[in-house]
Amino acid sequence: MSVEEIKAVVDNATEEERIFLAAYLRIKRDGGNGPLGVALAKANERLLRGEGVSLEDAEKLHQEMEKLGL
């Protein structure tokens, strides 16, 4: 995927998708093989299948990452 394609995905993302994307990128940058990394991977799989992630779930993941300083 090109940078332009990635920008288009982010620009067209909903608020909940952007929260998830931010959390996902932090985990990718800082690592995360524990429960949080697993939860993010599962959420990513749901998004890729077109099932979406609830705003509540995305916010919970984000809060967990903030607790870890990610």
PDB file of N, CA and C in Angstrom:
ATOM      1  N   MET A   1       0.851  -1.166   0.000  1.00  0.00           N
ATOM      2  CA  MET A   1       0.000   0.000   0.000  1.00  0.00           C
ATOM      3  C   MET A   1       0.901   1.234   0.000  1.00  0.00           C
ATOM      4  N   SER A   2       0.594   2.171  -0.843  1.00  0.00           N
ATOM      5  CA  SER A   2       1.402   3.385  -0.941  1.00  0.00           C
ATOM      6  C   SER A   2       1.033   4.373   0.160  1.00  0.00           C
ATOM      7  N   VAL A   3       1.893   5.360   0.363  1.00  0.00           N
ATOM      8  CA  VAL A   3       1.627   6.409   1.349  1.00  0.00           C
ATOM      9  C   VAL A   3       0.336   7.137   1.002  1.00  0.00           C
ATOM     10  N   GLU A   4       0.126   7.397  -0.259  1.00  0.00           N
ATOM     11  CA  GLU A   4      -1.100   8.087  -0.679  1.00  0.00           C
ATOM     12  C   GLU A   4      -2.341   7.250  -0.358  1.00  0.00           C
ATOM     13  N   GLU A   5      -2.248   5.945  -0.547  1.00  0.00           N
ATOM     14  CA  GLU A   5      -3.373   5.070  -0.228  1.00  0.00           C
ATOM     15  C   GLU A   5      -3.639   5.054   1.277  1.00  0.00           C
ATOM     16  N   ILE A   6      -2.577   5.042   2.062  1.00  0.00           N
ATOM     17  CA  ILE A   6      -2.722   5.070   3.515  1.00  0.00           C
ATOM     18  C   ILE A   6      -3.362   6.378   3.954  1.00  0.00           C
ATOM     19  N   LYS A   7      -2.903   7.490   3.378  1.00  0.00           N
ATOM     20  CA  LYS A   7      -3.497   8.790   3.701  1.00  0.00           C
ATOM     21  C   LYS A   7      -4.981   8.796   3.386  1.00  0.00           C
ATOM     22  N   ALA A   8      -5.368   8.217   2.261  1.00  0.00           N
ATOM     23  CA  ALA A   8      -6.780   8.175   1.871  1.00  0.00           C
ATOM     24  C   ALA A   8      -7.599   7.377   2.878  1.00  0.00           C
ATOM     25  N   VAL A   9      -7.048   6.265   3.344  1.00  0.00           N
ATOM     26  CA  VAL A   9      -7.750   5.447   4.336  1.00  0.00           C
ATOM     27  C   VAL A   9      -7.962   6.251   5.616  1.00  0.00           C
ATOM     28  N   VAL A  10      -6.914   6.914   6.092  1.00  0.00           N
ATOM     29  CA  VAL A  10      -7.018   7.701   7.324  1.00  0.00           C
ATOM     30  C   VAL A  10      -7.979   8.870   7.134  1.00  0.00           C
ATOM     31  N   ASP A  11      -7.868   9.560   6.018  1.00  0.00           N
ATOM     32  CA  ASP A  11      -8.741  10.708   5.764  1.00  0.00           C
ATOM     33  C   ASP A  11     -10.212  10.319   5.709  1.00  0.00           C
ATOM     34  N   ASN A  12     -10.493   9.113   5.259  1.00  0.00           N
ATOM     35  CA  ASN A  12     -11.882   8.660   5.126  1.00  0.00           C
ATOM     36  C   ASN A  12     -12.372   7.866   6.333  1.00  0.00           C
ATOM     37  N   ALA A  13     -11.519   7.700   7.332  1.00  0.00           N
ATOM     38  CA  ALA A  13     -11.867   6.902   8.511  1.00  0.00           C
ATOM     39  C   ALA A  13     -12.837   7.653   9.417  1.00  0.00           C
ATOM     40  N   THR A  14     -13.652   6.870  10.108  1.00  0.00           N
ATOM     41  CA  THR A  14     -14.546   7.436  11.117  1.00  0.00           C
ATOM     42  C   THR A  14     -13.735   7.743  12.368  1.00  0.00           C
ATOM     43  N   GLU A  15     -14.367   8.422  13.323  1.00  0.00           N
ATOM     44  CA  GLU A  15     -13.679   8.735  14.582  1.00  0.00           C
ATOM     45  C   GLU A  15     -13.204   7.464  15.277  1.00  0.00           C
ATOM     46  N   GLU A  16     -14.072   6.446  15.343  1.00  0.00           N
ATOM     47  CA  GLU A  16     -13.685   5.212  16.019  1.00  0.00           C
ATOM     48  C   GLU A  16     -12.547   4.508  15.281  1.00  0.00           C
ATOM     49  N   GLU A  17     -12.565   4.550  13.970  1.00  0.00           N
ATOM     50  CA  GLU A  17     -11.481   3.930  13.211  1.00  0.00           C
ATOM     51  C   GLU A  17     -10.170   4.667  13.435  1.00  0.00           C
ATOM     52  N   ARG A  18     -10.216   5.984  13.545  1.00  0.00           N
ATOM     53  CA  ARG A  18      -8.992   6.754  13.801  1.00  0.00           C
ATOM     54  C   ARG A  18      -8.434   6.462  15.181  1.00  0.00           C
ATOM     55  N   ILE A  19      -9.308   6.309  16.176  1.00  0.00           N
ATOM     56  CA  ILE A  19      -8.833   5.948  17.515  1.00  0.00           C
ATOM     57  C   ILE A  19      -8.144   4.595  17.467  1.00  0.00           C
ATOM     58  N   PHE A  20      -8.767   3.651  16.781  1.00  0.00           N
ATOM     59  CA  PHE A  20      -8.167   2.329  16.654  1.00  0.00           C
ATOM     60  C   PHE A  20      -6.840   2.401  15.905  1.00  0.00           C
ATOM     61  N   LEU A  21      -6.809   3.129  14.812  1.00  0.00           N
ATOM     62  CA  LEU A  21      -5.574   3.250  14.035  1.00  0.00           C
ATOM     63  C   LEU A  21      -4.448   3.848  14.874  1.00  0.00           C
ATOM     64  N   ALA A  22      -4.753   4.863  15.661  1.00  0.00           N
ATOM     65  CA  ALA A  22      -3.744   5.482  16.513  1.00  0.00           C
ATOM     66  C   ALA A  22      -3.199   4.461  17.512  1.00  0.00           C
ATOM     67  N   ALA A  23      -4.105   3.699  18.121  1.00  0.00           N
ATOM     68  CA  ALA A  23      -3.689   2.679  19.084  1.00  0.00           C
ATOM     69  C   ALA A  23      -2.857   1.600  18.401  1.00  0.00           C
ATOM     70  N   TYR A  24      -3.305   1.174  17.256  1.00  0.00           N
ATOM     71  CA  TYR A  24      -2.595   0.138  16.505  1.00  0.00           C
ATOM     72  C   TYR A  24      -1.175   0.584  16.143  1.00  0.00           C
ATOM     73  N   LEU A  25      -1.054   1.813  15.683  1.00  0.00           N
ATOM     74  CA  LEU A  25       0.265   2.313  15.301  1.00  0.00           C
ATOM     75  C   LEU A  25       1.199   2.427  16.500  1.00  0.00           C
ATOM     76  N   ARG A  26       0.647   2.808  17.655  1.00  0.00           N
ATOM     77  CA  ARG A  26       1.492   2.877  18.858  1.00  0.00           C
ATOM     78  C   ARG A  26       2.014   1.499  19.232  1.00  0.00           C
ATOM     79  N   ILE A  27       1.143   0.491  19.154  1.00  0.00           N
ATOM     80  CA  ILE A  27       1.565  -0.873  19.472  1.00  0.00           C
ATOM     81  C   ILE A  27       2.617  -1.339  18.469  1.00  0.00           C
ATOM     82  N   LYS A  28       2.409  -1.042  17.200  1.00  0.00           N
ATOM     83  CA  LYS A  28       3.383  -1.439  16.178  1.00  0.00           C
ATOM     84  C   LYS A  28       4.726  -0.750  16.416  1.00  0.00           C
ATOM     85  N   ARG A  29       4.682   0.505  16.843  1.00  0.00           N
ATOM     86  CA  ARG A  29       5.908   1.259  17.085  1.00  0.00           C
ATOM     87  C   ARG A  29       6.616   0.788  18.347  1.00  0.00           C
ATOM     88  N   ASP A  30       5.837   0.574  19.414  1.00  0.00           N
ATOM     89  CA  ASP A  30       6.426   0.305  20.722  1.00  0.00           C
ATOM     90  C   ASP A  30       6.407  -1.159  21.121  1.00  0.00           C
ATOM     91  N   GLY A  31       5.787  -1.990  20.328  1.00  0.00           N
ATOM     92  CA  GLY A  31       5.702  -3.409  20.632  1.00  0.00           C
ATOM     93  C   GLY A  31       4.471  -3.732  21.439  1.00  0.00           C
ATOM     94  N   GLY A  32       4.144  -4.973  21.529  1.00  0.00           N
ATOM     95  CA  GLY A  32       2.989  -5.366  22.323  1.00  0.00           C
ATOM     96  C   GLY A  32       2.566  -6.788  22.041  1.00  0.00           C
ATOM     97  N   ASN A  33       3.218  -7.740  22.693  1.00  0.00           N
ATOM     98  CA  ASN A  33       2.844  -9.136  22.501  1.00  0.00           C
ATOM     99  C   ASN A  33       1.896  -9.623  23.582  1.00  0.00           C
ATOM    100  N   GLY A  34       1.638  -8.776  24.587  1.00  0.00           N
ATOM    101  CA  GLY A  34       0.777  -9.165  25.699  1.00  0.00           C
ATOM    102  C   GLY A  34      -0.693  -9.069  25.340  1.00  0.00           C
ATOM    103  N   PRO A  35      -1.542  -9.052  26.368  1.00  0.00           N
ATOM    104  CA  PRO A  35      -2.991  -9.010  26.137  1.00  0.00           C
ATOM    105  C   PRO A  35      -3.444  -7.820  25.300  1.00  0.00           C
ATOM    106  N   LEU A  36      -2.822  -6.678  25.507  1.00  0.00           N
ATOM    107  CA  LEU A  36      -3.212  -5.504  24.739  1.00  0.00           C
ATOM    108  C   LEU A  36      -2.873  -5.682  23.264  1.00  0.00           C
ATOM    109  N   GLY A  37      -1.696  -6.205  22.984  1.00  0.00           N
ATOM    110  CA  GLY A  37      -1.315  -6.462  21.597  1.00  0.00           C
ATOM    111  C   GLY A  37      -2.254  -7.449  20.932  1.00  0.00           C
ATOM    112  N   VAL A  38      -2.657  -8.465  21.671  1.00  0.00           N
ATOM    113  CA  VAL A  38      -3.599  -9.464  21.151  1.00  0.00           C
ATOM    114  C   VAL A  38      -4.953  -8.820  20.876  1.00  0.00           C
ATOM    115  N   ALA A  39      -5.428  -7.989  21.814  1.00  0.00           N
ATOM    116  CA  ALA A  39      -6.716  -7.318  21.628  1.00  0.00           C
ATOM    117  C   ALA A  39      -6.690  -6.406  20.413  1.00  0.00           C
ATOM    118  N   LEU A  40      -5.580  -5.702  20.236  1.00  0.00           N
ATOM    119  CA  LEU A  40      -5.467  -4.828  19.065  1.00  0.00           C
ATOM    120  C   LEU A  40      -5.422  -5.634  17.778  1.00  0.00           C
ATOM    121  N   ALA A  41      -4.724  -6.754  17.796  1.00  0.00           N
ATOM    122  CA  ALA A  41      -4.654  -7.600  16.600  1.00  0.00           C
ATOM    123  C   ALA A  41      -6.045  -8.127  16.238  1.00  0.00           C
ATOM    124  N   LYS A  42      -6.810  -8.526  17.247  1.00  0.00           N
ATOM    125  CA  LYS A  42      -8.169  -9.026  16.988  1.00  0.00           C
ATOM    126  C   LYS A  42      -9.059  -7.919  16.440  1.00  0.00           C
ATOM    127  N   ALA A  43      -8.935  -6.720  17.011  1.00  0.00           N
ATOM    128  CA  ALA A  43      -9.731  -5.594  16.512  1.00  0.00           C
ATOM    129  C   ALA A  43      -9.357  -5.286  15.069  1.00  0.00           C
ATOM    130  N   ASN A  44      -8.067  -5.370  14.767  1.00  0.00           N
ATOM    131  CA  ASN A  44      -7.612  -5.127  13.400  1.00  0.00           C
ATOM    132  C   ASN A  44      -8.205  -6.162  12.449  1.00  0.00           C
ATOM    133  N   GLU A  45      -8.233  -7.410  12.866  1.00  0.00           N
ATOM    134  CA  GLU A  45      -8.812  -8.461  12.026  1.00  0.00           C
ATOM    135  C   GLU A  45     -10.287  -8.179  11.749  1.00  0.00           C
ATOM    136  N   ARG A  46     -11.039  -7.729  12.778  1.00  0.00           N
ATOM    137  CA  ARG A  46     -12.447  -7.404  12.574  1.00  0.00           C
ATOM    138  C   ARG A  46     -12.608  -6.273  11.566  1.00  0.00           C
ATOM    139  N   LEU A  47     -11.749  -5.261  11.689  1.00  0.00           N
ATOM    140  CA  LEU A  47     -11.820  -4.145  10.743  1.00  0.00           C
ATOM    141  C   LEU A  47     -11.516  -4.615   9.329  1.00  0.00           C
ATOM    142  N   LEU A  48     -10.519  -5.465   9.189  1.00  0.00           N
ATOM    143  CA  LEU A  48     -10.160  -5.959   7.857  1.00  0.00           C
ATOM    144  C   LEU A  48     -11.278  -6.795   7.237  1.00  0.00           C
ATOM    145  N   ARG A  49     -12.064  -7.462   8.085  1.00  0.00           N
ATOM    146  CA  ARG A  49     -13.205  -8.234   7.584  1.00  0.00           C
ATOM    147  C   ARG A  49     -14.414  -7.344   7.326  1.00  0.00           C
ATOM    148  N   GLY A  50     -14.286  -6.063   7.641  1.00  0.00           N
ATOM    149  CA  GLY A  50     -15.388  -5.139   7.428  1.00  0.00           C
ATOM    150  C   GLY A  50     -16.416  -5.137   8.546  1.00  0.00           C
ATOM    151  N   GLU A  51     -16.082  -5.728   9.679  1.00  0.00           N
ATOM    152  CA  GLU A  51     -17.024  -5.823  10.781  1.00  0.00           C
ATOM    153  C   GLU A  51     -17.005  -4.597  11.681  1.00  0.00           C
ATOM    154  N   GLY A  52     -15.935  -3.854  11.647  1.00  0.00           N
ATOM    155  CA  GLY A  52     -15.841  -2.652  12.467  1.00  0.00           C
ATOM    156  C   GLY A  52     -15.495  -2.949  13.905  1.00  0.00           C
ATOM    157  N   VAL A  53     -15.207  -1.893  14.614  1.00  0.00           N
ATOM    158  CA  VAL A  53     -14.885  -1.947  16.034  1.00  0.00           C
ATOM    159  C   VAL A  53     -15.711  -0.847  16.688  1.00  0.00           C
ATOM    160  N   SER A  54     -16.355  -1.165  17.787  1.00  0.00           N
ATOM    161  CA  SER A  54     -17.180  -0.149  18.435  1.00  0.00           C
ATOM    162  C   SER A  54     -16.293   0.951  18.999  1.00  0.00           C
ATOM    163  N   LEU A  55     -16.845   2.125  19.069  1.00  0.00           N
ATOM    164  CA  LEU A  55     -16.117   3.251  19.639  1.00  0.00           C
ATOM    165  C   LEU A  55     -15.741   2.939  21.082  1.00  0.00           C
ATOM    166  N   GLU A  56     -16.633   2.293  21.802  1.00  0.00           N
ATOM    167  CA  GLU A  56     -16.360   1.926  23.197  1.00  0.00           C
ATOM    168  C   GLU A  56     -15.150   0.997  23.292  1.00  0.00           C
ATOM    169  N   ASP A  57     -15.090  -0.014  22.433  1.00  0.00           N
ATOM    170  CA  ASP A  57     -13.952  -0.940  22.445  1.00  0.00           C
ATOM    171  C   ASP A  57     -12.656  -0.231  22.067  1.00  0.00           C
ATOM    172  N   ALA A  58     -12.725   0.639  21.066  1.00  0.00           N
ATOM    173  CA  ALA A  58     -11.536   1.377  20.640  1.00  0.00           C
ATOM    174  C   ALA A  58     -11.046   2.285  21.764  1.00  0.00           C
ATOM    175  N   GLU A  59     -11.967   2.922  22.466  1.00  0.00           N
ATOM    176  CA  GLU A  59     -11.577   3.794  23.572  1.00  0.00           C
ATOM    177  C   GLU A  59     -10.961   2.994  24.713  1.00  0.00           C
ATOM    178  N   LYS A  60     -11.491   1.802  24.986  1.00  0.00           N
ATOM    179  CA  LYS A  60     -10.917   0.951  26.037  1.00  0.00           C
ATOM    180  C   LYS A  60      -9.478   0.564  25.679  1.00  0.00           C
ATOM    181  N   LEU A  61      -9.266   0.181  24.432  1.00  0.00           N
ATOM    182  CA  LEU A  61      -7.909  -0.160  23.998  1.00  0.00           C
ATOM    183  C   LEU A  61      -6.981   1.036  24.139  1.00  0.00           C
ATOM    184  N   HIS A  62      -7.487   2.191  23.759  1.00  0.00           N
ATOM    185  CA  HIS A  62      -6.699   3.413  23.849  1.00  0.00           C
ATOM    186  C   HIS A  62      -6.349   3.721  25.309  1.00  0.00           C
ATOM    187  N   GLN A  63      -7.306   3.576  26.212  1.00  0.00           N
ATOM    188  CA  GLN A  63      -7.059   3.824  27.629  1.00  0.00           C
ATOM    189  C   GLN A  63      -6.031   2.852  28.193  1.00  0.00           C
ATOM    190  N   GLU A  64      -6.110   1.592  27.779  1.00  0.00           N
ATOM    191  CA  GLU A  64      -5.125   0.608  28.233  1.00  0.00           C
ATOM    192  C   GLU A  64      -3.724   0.987  27.760  1.00  0.00           C
ATOM    193  N   MET A  65      -3.633   1.482  26.545  1.00  0.00           N
ATOM    194  CA  MET A  65      -2.334   1.891  26.026  1.00  0.00           C
ATOM    195  C   MET A  65      -1.794   3.085  26.795  1.00  0.00           C
ATOM    196  N   GLU A  66      -2.674   4.023  27.130  1.00  0.00           N
ATOM    197  CA  GLU A  66      -2.240   5.192  27.893  1.00  0.00           C
ATOM    198  C   GLU A  66      -1.715   4.779  29.267  1.00  0.00           C
ATOM    199  N   LYS A  67      -2.345   3.782  29.885  1.00  0.00           N
ATOM    200  CA  LYS A  67      -1.871   3.286  31.184  1.00  0.00           C
ATOM    201  C   LYS A  67      -0.445   2.743  31.068  1.00  0.00           C
ATOM    202  N   LEU A  68      -0.128   2.177  29.913  1.00  0.00           N
ATOM    203  CA  LEU A  68       1.205   1.618  29.682  1.00  0.00           C
ATOM    204  C   LEU A  68       2.186   2.648  29.170  1.00  0.00           C
ATOM    205  N   GLY A  69       1.702   3.859  28.967  1.00  0.00           N
ATOM    206  CA  GLY A  69       2.568   4.919  28.467  1.00  0.00           C
ATOM    207  C   GLY A  69       2.859   4.802  26.981  1.00  0.00           C
ATOM    208  N   LEU A  70       1.974   4.132  26.249  1.00  0.00           N
ATOM    209  CA  LEU A  70       2.183   3.965  24.806  1.00  0.00           C
ATOM    210  C   LEU A  70       1.452   5.020  24.035  1.00  0.00           C
TER     211      LEU A  70
END
